[in-house]
Amino acid sequence: MIKQVIKKKILELITKEYPQIPSLEFMVDEPASEIEADLCSNAAFPLGKLLNCPPFEVAKLLSEKILDSSIFKKIEVSKNGFLNFILEDKALRKIIWEISQGNGDYLGETHKKSSERILLEFVSANPTGPLHIGHGRGAALGDSLYRIYRQCGFNVEREYYVNDVGFQMQTLAHSVEARYLQLQGNKEVQLPENGYQGDYIKELAKTMLDLKKSDFNTYPKEFLLDTIRQDLADFGVSFEHWMRESSLHLSGKLDSVLEFLDSKKSLAAKDGALWFVGEANSKEELDKERVIKKSDGKFTYFASDIAYHKDKWDRGYTHCIDIWGHDHHGYVPRMVSAVGALGIPKDFLKIQLYQLVSLKRGGKKVAMSTRSGEFVPLKEVVDEVGRDAARFFFALRSPTSHLEFDIDLAKKKSNENPVYYAQYVHARICSIFSEAKKRGIDLEVSFKDLEGKCVEKEERELMKKISFFKDILESSLQVSSPHLLANYLIDTATKFHRFYDQHRVLDVEPSLMRARLILLLATKRIFETGLNLLGVSAPESM
């Protein structure tokens, strides 16, 4: 929260002093550890460039005019032009108190009046097999973002797009049918080329045989879709909407969208096929990746995806966030181009890509391939390490970074395990309050109990970290990733443990005890809220 307040003050000052200057991009963040300041800003750099003035001189001018005694104890200017802020302890105590009392304005709830309607579409795995750990990363990323958007007051919904028609569905049907016939004793039947080979296909065929089912075009995909739903539920993920690709065909929405694109001269016939001819980044992309309708008359997934995004817009959403695996990176430019060709505003669609996941078990990586059946099911990982560890580990890294999931580490019951380390803070604080009740300590506190207290270094560092919670949520939304929150909780846990190792809470004089109980209550609130936003429980004992 306090980072946003400082940034707003800087922007207001720049607007007042330099009305001719357009909006600037600059940061307000924690400085390097060797800098003796609470926060810093590089605002003088972009402003100095526009004013043709050295950053140091600009920063000096800003520091003289931005001083606010209610927030800043001191503002210093570094030799290279950074603004370094020393925060007023009273301002920190105010934030700690409000958080301890559960004031939503200090916990992220600032967008309740927003007219925006946001649709998060994620996972959307084809119902051709169980979810694997790659899907798990997308599920954790999407669901945590949904929770953070909700926490910040936005109107947001989740959607799973079901690709229930097309070539892969045909391949699934033929694969199950082949195994079905083999189970009946027909040993001459072979799996189709590029068919699905996992044991789950054999098990599905046996289930159909036992139930005397023979609708290979429908039963397998519906069975697997139900399996996906259950795996997601066990992972703590649900969706408001399940949108089927087939509905776009049956409703005529696909035909309608293609008619619109044709009227805008965004379609062209070539080599017996129908092509999208919006802006292309390369000739290769235009030739190989933009077919709408193949020469055999069948529509491509791209055609359905265009209609799907038009449908999202028609349903009244103002922003759509798609979360895709990085293997779809080549699909991004043409999807953006197609949405633009529909006349939809550029800021409607945001596509967040996430890198691959590798599983490390027993010091070795496990290979993964969906068709060969050598993938690692999400269910297997969740059953082995638990939902909490799985959700937290998937949220630990930026989506742009490869994620190595160390299953042995995720199972450890020690501070080496990051989720255990974070959860232990909440459990420890709960035990302190439980002990206070046993001792008959009056837990009624007021803001006055904080006055002049929590001045020790470890106390102040913990207060400062807690005051950044709302800022972390806003930053998480800006980068469309919960990894900032996960790492914030780890950093805050470190601050808590340092405080707790150095200072007693209950066995001190009463006024100091009450102040520290308020600090712990705020810390507990942050971990309870933060862990929940990641889909992780906050246990009261461990």
Protein backbone atom coordinates (compact mmCIF):
# COMPACT_ATOMS: atom_id res chain seq x y z
CA MET A 1 0.00 0.00 0.00
CA ILE A 2 2.70 2.46 1.00
CA LYS A 3 4.53 2.05 -2.31
CA GLN A 4 1.37 3.10 -4.13
CA VAL A 5 0.96 6.12 -1.84
CA ILE A 6 4.52 7.29 -2.53
CA LYS A 7 4.17 6.76 -6.27
CA LYS A 8 0.94 8.75 -6.28
CA LYS A 9 2.60 11.63 -4.41
CA ILE A 10 5.47 11.71 -6.91
CA LEU A 11 3.07 11.69 -9.86
CA GLU A 12 0.98 14.48 -8.34
CA LEU A 13 4.10 16.59 -7.80
CA ILE A 14 5.33 16.03 -11.37
CA THR A 15 1.90 16.94 -12.77
CA LYS A 16 1.85 20.11 -10.69
CA GLU A 17 5.42 21.24 -11.41
CA TYR A 18 5.67 20.01 -15.01
CA PRO A 19 2.17 19.97 -16.55
CA GLN A 20 3.70 19.59 -20.01
CA ILE A 21 5.21 16.21 -19.07
CA PRO A 22 3.21 13.12 -20.13
CA SER A 23 2.66 10.26 -17.70
CA LEU A 24 5.94 8.65 -16.65
CA GLU A 25 6.85 5.05 -15.99
CA PHE A 26 9.00 4.66 -12.89
CA MET A 27 9.31 2.36 -9.92
CA VAL A 28 9.01 2.62 -6.16
CA ASP A 29 10.51 -0.44 -4.53
CA GLU A 30 12.77 -1.79 -1.83
CA PRO A 31 16.42 -0.80 -2.34
CA ALA A 32 19.42 -3.09 -2.39
CA SER A 33 20.35 -4.43 1.05
CA GLU A 34 23.41 -2.17 1.33
CA ILE A 35 21.27 0.97 0.97
CA GLU A 36 20.05 2.32 4.31
CA ALA A 37 16.54 3.23 3.24
CA ASP A 38 13.07 1.71 3.38
CA LEU A 39 12.08 2.42 -0.23
CA CYS A 40 13.62 4.01 -3.28
CA SER A 41 12.48 5.44 -6.62
CA ASN A 42 14.11 6.06 -9.99
CA ALA A 43 11.54 8.74 -10.93
CA ALA A 44 14.30 11.31 -11.54
CA PHE A 45 15.76 9.29 -14.42
CA PRO A 46 12.87 9.38 -16.94
CA LEU A 47 11.92 12.88 -15.78
CA GLY A 48 15.50 14.12 -16.10
CA LYS A 49 15.70 12.72 -19.61
CA LEU A 50 12.61 14.68 -20.67
CA LEU A 51 13.84 17.85 -18.95
CA ASN A 52 17.39 17.41 -20.24
CA CYS A 53 18.59 17.68 -16.66
CA PRO A 54 20.89 15.39 -14.59
CA PRO A 55 18.91 12.88 -12.47
CA PHE A 56 20.64 14.06 -9.28
CA GLU A 57 19.40 17.63 -9.74
CA VAL A 58 15.87 16.44 -10.55
CA ALA A 59 15.83 14.08 -7.56
CA LYS A 60 17.06 16.86 -5.28
CA LEU A 61 14.24 19.14 -6.43
CA LEU A 62 11.64 16.39 -5.97
CA SER A 63 12.92 15.54 -2.49
CA GLU A 64 12.55 19.14 -1.36
CA LYS A 65 8.94 19.38 -2.50
CA ILE A 66 7.56 15.93 -1.78
CA LEU A 67 8.36 15.88 1.94
CA ASP A 68 5.34 14.70 3.93
CA SER A 69 5.93 14.41 7.68
CA SER A 70 3.03 11.98 8.10
CA ILE A 71 4.75 9.39 5.88
CA PHE A 72 8.43 10.27 5.58
CA LYS A 73 10.96 10.69 8.33
CA LYS A 74 13.56 11.65 5.75
CA ILE A 75 14.15 11.68 1.98
CA GLU A 76 17.71 11.36 0.74
CA VAL A 77 19.15 11.60 -2.76
CA SER A 78 21.88 9.19 -3.82
CA LYS A 79 24.80 10.35 -5.94
CA ASN A 80 23.36 8.63 -9.00
CA GLY A 81 19.94 10.28 -8.59
CA PHE A 82 17.79 7.75 -6.74
CA LEU A 83 15.26 9.00 -4.21
CA ASN A 84 15.70 7.09 -0.94
CA PHE A 85 12.83 7.20 1.53
CA ILE A 86 12.99 6.64 5.29
CA LEU A 87 9.44 5.96 6.45
CA GLU A 88 7.89 7.49 9.53
CA ASP A 89 7.28 4.83 12.19
CA LYS A 90 3.81 6.25 12.90
CA ALA A 91 2.80 5.56 9.30
CA LEU A 92 3.95 1.96 9.59
CA ARG A 93 2.12 1.50 12.89
CA LYS A 94 -1.09 2.82 11.33
CA ILE A 95 -0.91 0.26 8.52
CA ILE A 96 -0.10 -2.55 10.96
CA TRP A 97 -3.09 -1.65 13.09
CA GLU A 98 -5.51 -1.52 10.15
CA ILE A 99 -4.27 -4.87 8.82
CA SER A 100 -4.53 -6.44 12.26
CA GLN A 101 -8.18 -5.37 12.36
CA GLY A 102 -8.89 -6.80 8.90
CA ASN A 103 -9.47 -3.46 7.16
CA GLY A 104 -10.05 -4.47 3.53
CA ASP A 105 -8.64 -1.21 2.15
CA TYR A 106 -5.26 -2.26 3.54
CA LEU A 107 -5.58 -5.83 2.28
CA GLY A 108 -6.14 -5.04 -1.38
CA GLU A 109 -9.86 -4.28 -1.71
CA THR A 110 -9.56 -1.08 -3.75
CA HIS A 111 -11.36 -1.87 -7.01
CA LYS A 112 -14.87 -2.71 -5.80
CA LYS A 113 -16.38 0.11 -7.85
CA SER A 114 -14.58 -0.87 -11.04
CA SER A 115 -16.85 -1.42 -14.06
CA GLU A 116 -14.38 -3.89 -15.56
CA ARG A 117 -15.45 -7.49 -16.17
CA ILE A 118 -12.52 -9.86 -16.44
CA LEU A 119 -12.53 -13.40 -17.83
CA LEU A 120 -9.63 -15.68 -16.96
CA GLU A 121 -9.36 -18.68 -19.27
CA PHE A 122 -6.83 -21.30 -18.22
CA VAL A 123 -5.97 -25.00 -18.28
CA SER A 124 -8.35 -25.74 -21.21
CA ALA A 125 -6.56 -29.04 -21.79
CA ASN A 126 -8.02 -31.26 -24.49
CA PRO A 127 -10.04 -34.12 -22.94
CA THR A 128 -7.65 -36.69 -24.40
CA GLY A 129 -6.08 -37.77 -21.12
CA PRO A 130 -5.61 -36.90 -17.45
CA LEU A 131 -4.06 -33.56 -16.52
CA HIS A 132 -0.27 -33.60 -16.22
CA ILE A 133 2.03 -31.39 -14.16
CA GLY A 134 2.30 -28.84 -16.96
CA HIS A 135 -1.44 -28.33 -16.74
CA GLY A 136 -1.01 -28.11 -12.98
CA ARG A 137 1.21 -25.08 -13.33
CA GLY A 138 -1.35 -23.38 -15.56
CA ALA A 139 -4.13 -24.26 -13.11
CA ALA A 140 -2.24 -22.88 -10.11
CA LEU A 141 -1.30 -19.74 -12.03
CA GLY A 142 -4.84 -19.07 -13.27
CA ASP A 143 -6.68 -19.85 -10.05
CA SER A 144 -4.29 -17.79 -7.90
CA LEU A 145 -4.65 -14.84 -10.26
CA TYR A 146 -8.43 -15.20 -10.00
CA ARG A 147 -8.21 -15.13 -6.21
CA ILE A 148 -5.95 -12.06 -6.25
CA TYR A 149 -8.29 -10.23 -8.63
CA ARG A 150 -11.19 -11.07 -6.31
CA GLN A 151 -9.22 -9.92 -3.27
CA CYS A 152 -8.57 -6.60 -5.00
CA GLY A 153 -12.29 -6.16 -5.63
CA PHE A 154 -12.51 -6.93 -9.35
CA ASN A 155 -15.44 -8.64 -11.06
CA VAL A 156 -13.66 -11.70 -12.43
CA GLU A 157 -14.73 -15.16 -13.60
CA ARG A 158 -12.95 -18.37 -14.61
CA GLU A 159 -13.54 -20.36 -17.76
CA TYR A 160 -12.36 -23.69 -19.16
CA TYR A 161 -12.52 -24.00 -22.96
CA VAL A 162 -13.23 -27.59 -23.98
CA ASN A 163 -11.88 -28.60 -27.40
CA ASP A 164 -14.46 -31.36 -27.92
CA VAL A 165 -14.34 -31.54 -31.72
CA GLY A 166 -11.62 -31.97 -34.31
CA PHE A 167 -8.75 -34.26 -35.22
CA GLN A 168 -7.54 -34.98 -31.68
CA MET A 169 -11.01 -36.09 -30.63
CA GLN A 170 -11.08 -38.44 -33.62
CA THR A 171 -7.65 -39.79 -32.66
CA LEU A 172 -8.87 -40.39 -29.10
CA ALA A 173 -11.95 -42.24 -30.34
CA HIS A 174 -9.90 -44.44 -32.67
CA SER A 175 -7.32 -45.14 -29.95
CA VAL A 176 -9.94 -46.30 -27.44
CA GLU A 177 -11.75 -48.32 -30.10
CA ALA A 178 -8.53 -50.10 -31.04
CA ARG A 179 -7.87 -51.08 -27.41
CA TYR A 180 -11.53 -52.11 -27.05
CA LEU A 181 -11.28 -54.46 -30.03
CA GLN A 182 -7.97 -55.85 -28.75
CA LEU A 183 -9.64 -56.66 -25.43
CA GLN A 184 -12.28 -58.55 -27.39
CA GLY A 185 -9.51 -60.73 -28.80
CA ASN A 186 -8.92 -59.00 -32.13
CA LYS A 187 -5.11 -59.02 -32.06
CA GLU A 188 -4.76 -57.75 -35.63
CA VAL A 189 -6.08 -54.32 -34.70
CA GLN A 190 -3.35 -51.71 -34.24
CA LEU A 191 -3.43 -48.27 -32.66
CA PRO A 192 -3.82 -45.50 -35.23
CA GLU A 193 -0.72 -43.56 -36.25
CA ASN A 194 0.05 -41.00 -33.51
CA GLY A 195 -2.63 -42.62 -31.36
CA TYR A 196 -2.78 -42.21 -27.57
CA GLN A 197 -0.81 -45.01 -25.92
CA GLY A 198 -1.12 -44.51 -22.17
CA ASP A 199 -2.41 -47.17 -19.83
CA TYR A 200 -5.40 -44.93 -19.18
CA ILE A 201 -6.57 -45.69 -22.75
CA LYS A 202 -6.55 -49.41 -21.99
CA GLU A 203 -8.39 -48.82 -18.71
CA LEU A 204 -10.96 -46.64 -20.46
CA ALA A 205 -11.51 -49.30 -23.12
CA LYS A 206 -11.99 -51.94 -20.40
CA THR A 207 -14.50 -49.71 -18.61
CA MET A 208 -16.47 -49.31 -21.83
CA LEU A 209 -16.36 -53.03 -22.46
CA ASP A 210 -17.56 -53.82 -18.92
CA LEU A 211 -20.38 -51.27 -19.21
CA LYS A 212 -21.21 -52.43 -22.75
CA LYS A 213 -20.60 -48.94 -24.11
CA SER A 214 -19.63 -48.53 -27.76
CA ASP A 215 -20.02 -44.82 -28.48
CA PHE A 216 -16.35 -44.09 -29.04
CA ASN A 217 -17.00 -40.57 -30.31
CA THR A 218 -18.69 -39.45 -27.10
CA TYR A 219 -18.02 -41.66 -24.09
CA PRO A 220 -14.17 -41.39 -23.98
CA LYS A 221 -14.03 -37.60 -24.10
CA GLU A 222 -16.85 -37.20 -21.57
CA PHE A 223 -15.24 -39.73 -19.25
CA LEU A 224 -11.89 -37.95 -19.47
CA LEU A 225 -13.53 -34.55 -19.03
CA ASP A 226 -15.11 -35.81 -15.80
CA THR A 227 -11.67 -37.04 -14.72
CA ILE A 228 -10.22 -33.60 -15.43
CA ARG A 229 -12.98 -31.94 -13.40
CA GLN A 230 -12.23 -34.20 -10.44
CA ASP A 231 -8.46 -33.68 -10.67
CA LEU A 232 -9.00 -29.92 -10.67
CA ALA A 233 -11.39 -30.11 -7.73
CA ASP A 234 -8.81 -32.12 -5.77
CA PHE A 235 -6.31 -29.38 -6.68
CA GLY A 236 -8.63 -26.70 -5.31
CA VAL A 237 -9.57 -25.28 -8.71
CA SER A 238 -13.07 -24.71 -10.06
CA PHE A 239 -14.60 -22.75 -12.93
CA GLU A 240 -17.71 -20.64 -13.30
CA HIS A 241 -17.97 -21.63 -16.97
CA TRP A 242 -17.13 -24.66 -19.10
CA MET A 243 -17.30 -23.51 -22.72
CA ARG A 244 -17.45 -26.20 -25.42
CA GLU A 245 -15.96 -25.63 -28.84
CA SER A 246 -18.81 -27.64 -30.36
CA SER A 247 -21.30 -25.00 -29.15
CA LEU A 248 -19.66 -22.44 -31.43
CA HIS A 249 -20.33 -24.70 -34.41
CA LEU A 250 -23.87 -25.67 -33.44
CA SER A 251 -24.97 -22.12 -32.56
CA GLY A 252 -23.80 -20.67 -35.86
CA LYS A 253 -21.38 -18.31 -34.08
CA LEU A 254 -18.44 -19.65 -36.06
CA ASP A 255 -20.19 -19.05 -39.40
CA SER A 256 -21.23 -15.57 -38.27
CA VAL A 257 -17.68 -14.58 -37.34
CA LEU A 258 -16.29 -15.85 -40.64
CA GLU A 259 -18.93 -13.89 -42.54
CA PHE A 260 -17.87 -10.76 -40.66
CA LEU A 261 -14.17 -11.33 -41.40
CA ASP A 262 -14.96 -11.98 -45.04
CA SER A 263 -16.88 -8.69 -45.23
CA LYS A 264 -13.77 -6.94 -43.89
CA LYS A 265 -11.61 -8.67 -46.51
CA SER A 266 -9.72 -10.53 -43.78
CA LEU A 267 -10.21 -13.91 -45.48
CA ALA A 268 -8.81 -15.21 -48.75
CA ALA A 269 -9.09 -18.45 -50.70
CA LYS A 270 -5.88 -20.17 -51.74
CA ASP A 271 -4.98 -23.74 -52.72
CA GLY A 272 -8.53 -24.88 -52.02
CA ALA A 273 -8.41 -23.62 -48.43
CA LEU A 274 -9.65 -20.51 -46.64
CA TRP A 275 -6.99 -18.31 -45.03
CA PHE A 276 -6.97 -15.47 -42.52
CA VAL A 277 -5.02 -12.56 -43.99
CA GLY A 278 -4.73 -10.10 -41.13
CA GLU A 279 -1.37 -8.65 -40.20
CA ALA A 280 1.34 -11.31 -40.26
CA ASN A 281 4.76 -11.07 -38.67
CA SER A 282 6.38 -13.26 -41.28
CA LYS A 283 5.67 -15.00 -44.58
CA GLU A 284 6.10 -18.37 -42.87
CA GLU A 285 3.40 -17.50 -40.35
CA LEU A 286 1.04 -16.42 -43.11
CA ASP A 287 1.61 -19.54 -45.19
CA LYS A 288 1.62 -22.20 -42.51
CA GLU A 289 -0.32 -21.05 -39.49
CA ARG A 290 -3.34 -19.09 -40.62
CA VAL A 291 -5.58 -21.61 -42.30
CA ILE A 292 -9.22 -21.14 -41.30
CA LYS A 293 -10.78 -23.91 -43.35
CA LYS A 294 -8.77 -26.76 -44.82
CA SER A 295 -9.12 -28.01 -48.37
CA ASP A 296 -11.17 -30.98 -47.08
CA GLY A 297 -13.78 -28.52 -45.77
CA LYS A 298 -12.94 -28.96 -42.08
CA PHE A 299 -12.41 -25.94 -39.85
CA THR A 300 -9.14 -25.52 -37.97
CA TYR A 301 -8.80 -24.83 -34.25
CA PHE A 302 -7.80 -21.30 -35.21
CA ALA A 303 -11.23 -20.71 -36.74
CA SER A 304 -12.95 -21.85 -33.56
CA ASP A 305 -10.61 -19.78 -31.40
CA ILE A 306 -11.48 -16.63 -33.33
CA ALA A 307 -15.19 -17.29 -32.80
CA TYR A 308 -14.50 -18.09 -29.15
CA HIS A 309 -12.83 -14.75 -28.48
CA LYS A 310 -15.61 -12.91 -30.29
CA ASP A 311 -18.04 -14.73 -28.02
CA LYS A 312 -16.10 -13.56 -24.95
CA TRP A 313 -16.42 -9.98 -26.15
CA ASP A 314 -20.11 -10.40 -26.94
CA ARG A 315 -20.74 -11.67 -23.40
CA GLY A 316 -19.73 -8.27 -22.06
CA TYR A 317 -16.25 -8.88 -20.70
CA THR A 318 -13.97 -5.85 -20.85
CA HIS A 319 -10.75 -7.81 -20.45
CA CYS A 320 -9.85 -11.37 -21.33
CA ILE A 321 -6.72 -13.08 -19.98
CA ASP A 322 -5.68 -16.33 -21.63
CA ILE A 323 -3.07 -18.46 -19.85
CA TRP A 324 -1.26 -20.78 -22.25
CA GLY A 325 1.71 -23.09 -22.16
CA HIS A 326 4.82 -21.70 -23.83
CA ASP A 327 4.52 -24.27 -26.62
CA HIS A 328 1.72 -22.04 -27.95
CA HIS A 329 3.95 -18.95 -28.26
CA GLY A 330 3.75 -19.02 -32.06
CA TYR A 331 -0.03 -18.83 -31.78
CA VAL A 332 0.00 -15.48 -29.95
CA PRO A 333 0.61 -13.04 -32.87
CA ARG A 334 -2.12 -14.49 -35.07
CA MET A 335 -4.62 -14.61 -32.20
CA VAL A 336 -3.92 -10.96 -31.39
CA SER A 337 -4.19 -10.12 -35.08
CA ALA A 338 -7.50 -11.97 -35.42
CA VAL A 339 -9.03 -10.24 -32.38
CA GLY A 340 -7.96 -6.91 -33.86
CA ALA A 341 -9.58 -7.81 -37.18
CA LEU A 342 -12.85 -8.32 -35.31
CA GLY A 343 -12.77 -4.66 -34.29
CA ILE A 344 -12.20 -5.48 -30.62
CA PRO A 345 -10.03 -3.00 -28.63
CA LYS A 346 -6.36 -3.94 -28.31
CA ASP A 347 -6.42 -3.96 -24.53
CA PHE A 348 -9.17 -6.60 -24.45
CA LEU A 349 -6.90 -9.62 -24.86
CA LYS A 350 -3.84 -10.42 -22.79
CA ILE A 351 -2.05 -13.73 -23.25
CA GLN A 352 0.16 -14.97 -20.43
CA LEU A 353 2.54 -17.77 -21.38
CA TYR A 354 4.17 -20.08 -18.88
CA GLN A 355 7.25 -22.25 -19.34
CA LEU A 356 7.50 -26.00 -19.06
CA VAL A 357 7.61 -27.98 -15.84
CA SER A 358 10.02 -30.81 -15.12
CA LEU A 359 9.60 -33.18 -12.21
CA LYS A 360 12.58 -34.18 -10.12
CA ARG A 361 12.16 -37.34 -8.10
CA GLY A 362 15.05 -39.14 -6.42
CA GLY A 363 17.46 -36.70 -8.03
CA LYS A 364 16.32 -37.61 -11.55
CA LYS A 365 14.09 -35.85 -14.05
CA VAL A 366 10.99 -37.66 -15.26
CA ALA A 367 10.21 -37.49 -18.99
CA MET A 368 6.78 -36.52 -20.24
CA SER A 369 4.90 -37.19 -23.51
CA THR A 370 1.10 -37.24 -23.71
CA ARG A 371 0.65 -39.58 -26.67
CA SER A 372 3.24 -42.11 -25.52
CA GLY A 373 1.62 -42.09 -22.08
CA GLU A 374 4.89 -41.20 -20.34
CA PHE A 375 3.51 -38.07 -18.67
CA VAL A 376 3.37 -37.35 -14.95
CA PRO A 377 -0.28 -37.00 -13.90
CA LEU A 378 -1.12 -33.99 -11.75
CA LYS A 379 -3.15 -36.29 -9.50
CA GLU A 380 -0.07 -38.40 -8.80
CA VAL A 381 1.91 -35.37 -7.62
CA VAL A 382 -0.96 -33.97 -5.53
CA ASP A 383 -1.53 -37.36 -3.89
CA GLU A 384 2.17 -37.66 -3.06
CA VAL A 385 3.05 -34.17 -1.78
CA GLY A 386 -0.38 -32.79 -0.92
CA ARG A 387 -2.42 -29.96 -2.42
CA ASP A 388 -0.71 -27.23 -0.38
CA ALA A 389 2.82 -28.08 -1.45
CA ALA A 390 1.77 -28.58 -5.07
CA ARG A 391 -0.05 -25.24 -5.26
CA PHE A 392 2.78 -23.33 -3.56
CA PHE A 393 5.58 -24.89 -5.64
CA PHE A 394 3.75 -24.18 -8.90
CA ALA A 395 3.43 -20.53 -7.84
CA LEU A 396 7.07 -20.02 -6.82
CA ARG A 397 8.60 -19.05 -10.15
CA SER A 398 7.81 -16.45 -12.77
CA PRO A 399 5.81 -17.95 -15.67
CA THR A 400 8.67 -16.97 -17.97
CA SER A 401 11.05 -19.27 -16.06
CA HIS A 402 11.32 -23.03 -16.37
CA LEU A 403 10.02 -24.73 -13.23
CA GLU A 404 11.74 -27.75 -11.74
CA PHE A 405 9.41 -29.38 -9.23
CA ASP A 406 11.53 -31.15 -6.61
CA ILE A 407 9.11 -33.67 -5.19
CA ASP A 408 11.47 -34.75 -2.40
CA LEU A 409 11.80 -31.15 -1.19
CA ALA A 410 8.03 -30.64 -1.39
CA LYS A 411 7.51 -33.56 1.02
CA LYS A 412 9.94 -32.33 3.69
CA LYS A 413 8.55 -31.21 7.04
CA SER A 414 11.25 -28.62 7.67
CA ASN A 415 12.10 -25.01 6.89
CA GLU A 416 13.91 -26.17 3.75
CA ASN A 417 10.47 -26.65 2.24
CA PRO A 418 9.18 -23.17 1.29
CA VAL A 419 5.50 -23.97 1.86
CA TYR A 420 6.24 -25.45 5.28
CA TYR A 421 8.36 -22.37 6.06
CA ALA A 422 5.47 -20.04 5.20
CA GLN A 423 2.72 -22.09 6.87
CA TYR A 424 4.76 -22.44 10.05
CA VAL A 425 4.52 -18.68 10.63
CA HIS A 426 0.74 -18.88 10.86
CA ALA A 427 0.86 -21.98 13.05
CA ARG A 428 3.43 -20.44 15.38
CA ILE A 429 1.39 -17.25 15.83
CA CYS A 430 -1.76 -19.30 16.50
CA SER A 431 0.12 -21.19 19.22
CA ILE A 432 1.22 -17.90 20.81
CA PHE A 433 -2.36 -16.63 20.97
CA SER A 434 -3.50 -20.00 22.29
CA GLU A 435 -0.91 -19.78 25.06
CA ALA A 436 -2.00 -16.21 25.84
CA LYS A 437 -5.58 -17.40 26.32
CA LYS A 438 -4.42 -20.23 28.59
CA ARG A 439 -2.64 -17.67 30.74
CA GLY A 440 -5.77 -15.55 30.92
CA ILE A 441 -4.12 -12.62 29.16
CA ASP A 442 -6.54 -9.91 28.06
CA LEU A 443 -6.32 -9.83 24.26
CA GLU A 444 -8.32 -6.62 23.87
CA VAL A 445 -5.98 -4.13 22.20
CA SER A 446 -6.23 -0.66 20.69
CA PHE A 447 -4.21 1.51 18.34
CA LYS A 448 -2.82 3.38 21.36
CA ASP A 449 -1.05 0.18 22.41
CA LEU A 450 1.27 0.64 19.42
CA GLU A 451 2.31 4.20 20.23
CA GLY A 452 6.05 4.42 20.71
CA LYS A 453 6.40 0.63 20.47
CA CYS A 454 7.91 -1.85 17.98
CA VAL A 455 11.08 0.19 17.58
CA GLU A 456 13.55 -2.70 17.59
CA LYS A 457 15.19 -3.41 14.24
CA GLU A 458 13.54 -6.82 13.81
CA GLU A 459 10.13 -5.41 14.74
CA ARG A 460 10.43 -2.53 12.30
CA GLU A 461 11.62 -4.79 9.48
CA LEU A 462 8.59 -7.03 9.99
CA MET A 463 6.23 -4.04 10.13
CA LYS A 464 7.70 -2.65 6.94
CA LYS A 465 7.36 -5.95 5.09
CA ILE A 466 3.74 -6.35 6.18
CA SER A 467 2.95 -2.82 4.97
CA PHE A 468 3.89 -3.88 1.42
CA PHE A 469 1.19 -6.58 1.16
CA LYS A 470 -1.27 -4.55 -0.86
CA ASP A 471 1.52 -3.38 -3.18
CA ILE A 472 2.49 -6.99 -3.82
CA LEU A 473 -1.06 -7.86 -4.86
CA GLU A 474 -1.17 -4.95 -7.31
CA SER A 475 2.23 -5.93 -8.73
CA SER A 476 1.06 -9.54 -9.09
CA LEU A 477 -1.83 -8.37 -11.26
CA GLN A 478 0.45 -6.15 -13.34
CA VAL A 479 2.70 -9.09 -14.26
CA SER A 480 -0.17 -11.64 -14.29
CA SER A 481 1.61 -13.99 -11.93
CA PRO A 482 1.32 -15.05 -8.26
CA HIS A 483 5.06 -15.73 -7.91
CA LEU A 484 5.60 -12.27 -6.41
CA LEU A 485 3.13 -13.11 -3.64
CA ALA A 486 4.65 -16.55 -2.97
CA ASN A 487 8.14 -15.09 -2.66
CA TYR A 488 6.83 -12.17 -0.59
CA LEU A 489 5.44 -14.66 1.93
CA ILE A 490 8.80 -16.43 2.11
CA ASP A 491 10.62 -13.12 2.65
CA THR A 492 8.08 -12.06 5.29
CA ALA A 493 8.46 -15.44 6.99
CA THR A 494 12.19 -14.76 7.25
CA LYS A 495 11.48 -11.38 8.86
CA PHE A 496 9.09 -13.03 11.31
CA HIS A 497 11.53 -15.78 12.29
CA ARG A 498 14.28 -13.21 12.88
CA PHE A 499 11.93 -11.22 15.09
CA TYR A 500 10.74 -14.28 16.99
CA ASP A 501 14.28 -15.58 17.52
CA GLN A 502 15.35 -12.26 19.06
CA HIS A 503 12.30 -11.12 21.02
CA ARG A 504 9.77 -12.57 23.43
CA VAL A 505 6.09 -11.81 23.02
CA LEU A 506 4.28 -12.91 26.16
CA ASP A 507 7.01 -12.77 28.80
CA VAL A 508 7.58 -9.02 28.60
CA GLU A 509 6.00 -6.03 30.30
CA PRO A 510 2.26 -5.68 29.45
CA SER A 511 2.38 -2.59 27.21
CA LEU A 512 5.12 -4.08 25.02
CA MET A 513 3.31 -7.42 24.97
CA ARG A 514 0.13 -5.79 23.65
CA ALA A 515 2.06 -4.00 20.91
CA ARG A 516 3.76 -7.21 19.83
CA LEU A 517 0.46 -9.08 19.87
CA ILE A 518 -0.91 -6.48 17.44
CA LEU A 519 2.15 -6.99 15.23
CA LEU A 520 1.62 -10.75 15.32
CA LEU A 521 -2.09 -10.39 14.61
CA ALA A 522 -1.27 -8.35 11.49
CA THR A 523 1.32 -10.94 10.47
CA LYS A 524 -1.20 -13.73 10.97
CA ARG A 525 -3.74 -11.84 8.86
CA ILE A 526 -1.21 -11.45 6.03
CA PHE A 527 -0.29 -15.13 5.99
CA GLU A 528 -3.87 -16.33 6.29
CA THR A 529 -4.90 -14.10 3.39
CA GLY A 530 -1.78 -14.62 1.29
CA LEU A 531 -1.76 -18.40 1.57
CA ASN A 532 -5.45 -18.55 0.70
CA LEU A 533 -4.81 -16.46 -2.41
CA LEU A 534 -2.34 -19.15 -3.49
CA GLY A 535 -4.87 -21.91 -2.79
CA VAL A 536 -2.86 -23.04 0.25
CA SER A 537 -4.21 -23.69 3.74
CA ALA A 538 -3.11 -21.76 6.83
CA PRO A 539 -2.89 -24.45 9.55
CA GLU A 540 -3.28 -23.51 13.21
CA SER A 541 -0.84 -26.20 14.30
CA MET A 542 1.98 -28.13 12.67
